[in-house]
Amino acid sequence: MATTSDSVDSAGRRLATVILCVSLAFSLAGVTVNGLALYAVRANRRTVLIPWLVFQLLVIIGEDKVFLFICRIQMVFLA
C-alpha cells in the first residue's frame, strides 16, 4: 500500500526527470545554435545568426519564468 510520502517521492522523481530532460534538450539546442553562430561569423553570413538571436531570446524568457516559478515555490513553502 502506497503511503503519502511514497507518492510525494514519486512525484519528486517525475519532476526531476522532466527537469533533466528539458535541461538536456536546451543544452543540445544551445550547442547546435552556437555552432551555427560560429559558422555564420566565420563565413560572414549574417542571416544565419537569426536562429541564434531567437534562441537567446527564448533562453532569457525561460530563465525569467524559471526564476519566478522558483520564487513562487519558495513562497508556498515559507508560508
Protein backbone atom coordinates (compact mmCIF):
# COMPACT_ATOMS: atom_id res chain seq x y z
CA MET A 1 0.00 0.00 0.00
CA ALA A 2 1.42 3.36 -1.04
CA THR A 3 1.79 6.00 1.60
CA THR A 4 1.66 9.74 1.19
CA SER A 5 5.44 10.05 1.42
CA ASP A 6 5.81 7.44 -1.36
CA SER A 7 3.53 9.40 -3.68
CA VAL A 8 5.36 12.66 -2.89
CA ASP A 9 8.69 10.94 -3.53
CA SER A 10 7.38 9.56 -6.81
CA ALA A 11 6.13 12.99 -7.87
CA GLY A 12 9.50 14.48 -6.98
CA ARG A 13 11.29 11.90 -9.09
CA ARG A 14 8.99 12.58 -12.05
CA LEU A 15 9.59 16.32 -11.70
CA ALA A 16 13.35 15.78 -11.53
CA THR A 17 13.20 13.59 -14.65
CA VAL A 18 11.21 16.22 -16.54
CA ILE A 19 13.63 18.97 -15.46
CA LEU A 20 16.60 16.83 -16.54
CA CYS A 21 15.06 16.11 -19.96
CA VAL A 22 14.20 19.75 -20.59
CA SER A 23 17.69 20.83 -19.50
CA LEU A 24 19.31 18.31 -21.83
CA ALA A 25 17.12 19.42 -24.72
CA PHE A 26 18.00 23.08 -24.18
CA SER A 27 21.69 22.22 -23.83
CA LEU A 28 21.71 20.28 -27.08
CA ALA A 29 19.83 23.08 -28.84
CA GLY A 30 22.26 25.61 -27.38
CA VAL A 31 25.31 23.74 -28.64
CA THR A 32 23.75 23.40 -32.09
CA VAL A 33 22.71 27.06 -32.34
CA ASN A 34 26.05 28.31 -31.00
CA GLY A 35 27.85 26.17 -33.57
CA LEU A 36 25.66 27.70 -36.24
CA ALA A 37 26.54 31.17 -34.94
CA LEU A 38 30.24 30.33 -35.15
CA TYR A 39 29.76 29.20 -38.73
CA ALA A 40 27.87 32.42 -39.54
CA VAL A 41 30.64 34.61 -38.17
CA ARG A 42 33.41 32.69 -39.93
CA ALA A 43 31.53 32.53 -43.24
CA ASN A 44 30.42 36.18 -42.96
CA ARG A 45 26.74 35.22 -43.36
CA ARG A 46 24.75 37.43 -41.03
CA THR A 47 21.35 35.89 -41.83
CA VAL A 48 22.46 32.60 -40.26
CA LEU A 49 22.66 34.44 -36.90
CA ILE A 50 18.85 34.79 -36.73
CA PRO A 51 18.30 31.34 -35.11
CA TRP A 52 20.96 32.23 -32.52
CA LEU A 53 19.21 35.51 -31.72
CA VAL A 54 15.83 33.79 -31.38
CA PHE A 55 17.30 31.06 -29.18
CA GLN A 56 18.99 33.61 -26.91
CA LEU A 57 15.71 35.48 -26.56
CA LEU A 58 13.94 32.24 -25.61
CA VAL A 59 16.66 31.44 -23.07
CA ILE A 60 16.29 34.85 -21.43
CA ILE A 61 12.50 34.50 -21.26
CA GLY A 62 12.80 30.91 -19.99
CA GLU A 63 15.27 31.87 -17.26
CA ASP A 64 12.88 34.59 -16.13
CA LYS A 65 9.97 32.14 -15.97
CA VAL A 66 12.04 29.56 -14.05
CA PHE A 67 13.19 32.23 -11.58
CA LEU A 68 9.60 33.33 -10.97
CA PHE A 69 8.48 29.70 -10.59
CA ILE A 70 11.20 29.01 -8.01
CA CYS A 71 10.30 32.16 -6.11
CA ARG A 72 6.65 31.10 -6.08
CA ILE A 73 7.55 27.64 -4.77
CA GLN A 74 9.66 29.16 -2.01
CA MET A 75 6.80 31.46 -1.01
CA VAL A 76 4.49 28.45 -0.72
CA PHE A 77 6.94 26.52 1.47
CA LEU A 78 7.80 29.54 3.63
CA ALA A 79 4.16 30.47 4.25
